[in-house]
Amino acid sequence: MSDTPPDRLASNPSSPHYDADILERGVGIVFNGVEKTNVDEYCVSEGWIRVTAGKAVDRKGNPMTIKLQGVVAPYWRNDNVEG
């Protein structure tokens, strides 16, 4: 795997940007200098994240999200490199 997290990643399996292997490794997000733990999707090059909006759900039962613009900095959470 690469040393840098992907430019765009989603946690929803129905998204084309979903990648189970990368999510299993663990990606953390720092958004505008604050670590966020409720990020559903992010894009570094476009500068946005999608976060859950409380307990609200859409008609299919998926959580409602809000798109926030700003500086996105992903990092590896479980970077256990032996060597």
Protein backbone atom coordinates (compact mmCIF):
# COMPACT_ATOMS: atom_id res chain seq x y z
CA MET A 1 0.00 0.00 0.00
CA SER A 2 0.98 3.60 -0.50
CA ASP A 3 2.51 5.73 2.26
CA THR A 4 -0.11 8.44 1.68
CA PRO A 5 -3.87 7.99 2.11
CA PRO A 6 -6.01 8.24 -1.04
CA ASP A 7 -7.22 11.59 -2.40
CA ARG A 8 -10.85 10.52 -2.02
CA LEU A 9 -12.41 7.84 0.19
CA ALA A 10 -15.93 6.91 1.33
CA SER A 11 -17.08 4.66 4.15
CA ASN A 12 -20.38 3.75 2.43
CA PRO A 13 -20.07 0.39 0.58
CA SER A 14 -22.43 1.58 -2.18
CA SER A 15 -20.09 4.46 -3.10
CA PRO A 16 -17.63 4.08 -6.02
CA HIS A 17 -14.93 5.57 -3.73
CA TYR A 18 -15.29 2.83 -1.10
CA ASP A 19 -12.21 0.66 -0.39
CA ALA A 20 -12.46 -1.92 2.41
CA ASP A 21 -8.70 -2.58 2.56
CA ILE A 22 -7.87 1.08 3.12
CA LEU A 23 -10.63 1.51 5.70
CA GLU A 24 -9.37 -1.58 7.54
CA ARG A 25 -5.89 -0.05 7.74
CA GLY A 26 -7.47 3.04 9.33
CA VAL A 27 -7.60 6.59 7.98
CA GLY A 28 -7.96 9.61 10.24
CA ILE A 29 -9.04 13.07 9.10
CA VAL A 30 -7.89 16.47 10.31
CA PHE A 31 -10.29 19.11 8.98
CA ASN A 32 -9.34 22.78 9.38
CA GLY A 33 -6.92 21.81 12.15
CA VAL A 34 -9.44 19.72 14.14
CA GLU A 35 -9.57 15.91 14.14
CA LYS A 36 -12.95 14.62 12.97
CA THR A 37 -14.24 11.15 13.86
CA ASN A 38 -17.62 11.24 12.09
CA VAL A 39 -16.44 11.65 8.47
CA ASP A 40 -18.36 9.56 5.92
CA GLU A 41 -16.44 10.72 2.84
CA TYR A 42 -13.63 13.13 2.02
CA CYS A 43 -11.82 14.63 -0.96
CA VAL A 44 -8.44 16.31 -0.45
CA SER A 45 -8.08 17.84 -3.93
CA GLU A 46 -11.55 19.46 -3.84
CA GLY A 47 -11.26 20.41 -0.12
CA TRP A 48 -14.42 18.94 1.43
CA ILE A 49 -15.70 16.31 3.83
CA ARG A 50 -19.13 14.79 4.41
CA VAL A 51 -20.16 14.31 8.04
CA THR A 52 -23.26 12.73 9.54
CA ALA A 53 -26.04 15.15 10.50
CA GLY A 54 -27.18 13.83 13.86
CA LYS A 55 -29.57 10.89 13.85
CA ALA A 56 -31.48 11.94 10.74
CA VAL A 57 -31.85 9.32 8.00
CA ASP A 58 -33.07 9.45 4.41
CA ARG A 59 -35.94 7.35 3.05
CA LYS A 60 -33.59 4.41 2.40
CA GLY A 61 -32.32 4.41 6.00
CA ASN A 62 -28.91 5.93 5.23
CA PRO A 63 -27.66 8.69 7.55
CA MET A 64 -28.08 12.26 6.28
CA THR A 65 -24.80 14.05 5.62
CA ILE A 66 -23.58 17.63 5.40
CA LYS A 67 -20.80 18.72 3.04
CA LEU A 68 -18.23 21.03 4.66
CA GLN A 69 -15.57 22.98 2.74
CA GLY A 70 -12.07 23.47 4.12
CA VAL A 71 -8.55 22.06 4.45
CA VAL A 72 -8.56 18.24 4.56
CA ALA A 73 -5.52 16.33 5.86
CA PRO A 74 -5.87 12.51 5.96
CA TYR A 75 -3.39 10.34 7.85
CA TRP A 76 -2.94 6.65 8.66
CA ARG A 77 -4.25 5.77 12.15
CA ASN A 78 -2.84 2.23 12.40
CA ASP A 79 0.59 2.80 10.96
CA ASN A 80 2.26 -0.23 12.55
CA VAL A 81 5.35 -0.57 10.41
CA GLU A 82 7.85 -3.13 11.65
CA GLY A 83 11.41 -2.94 10.62
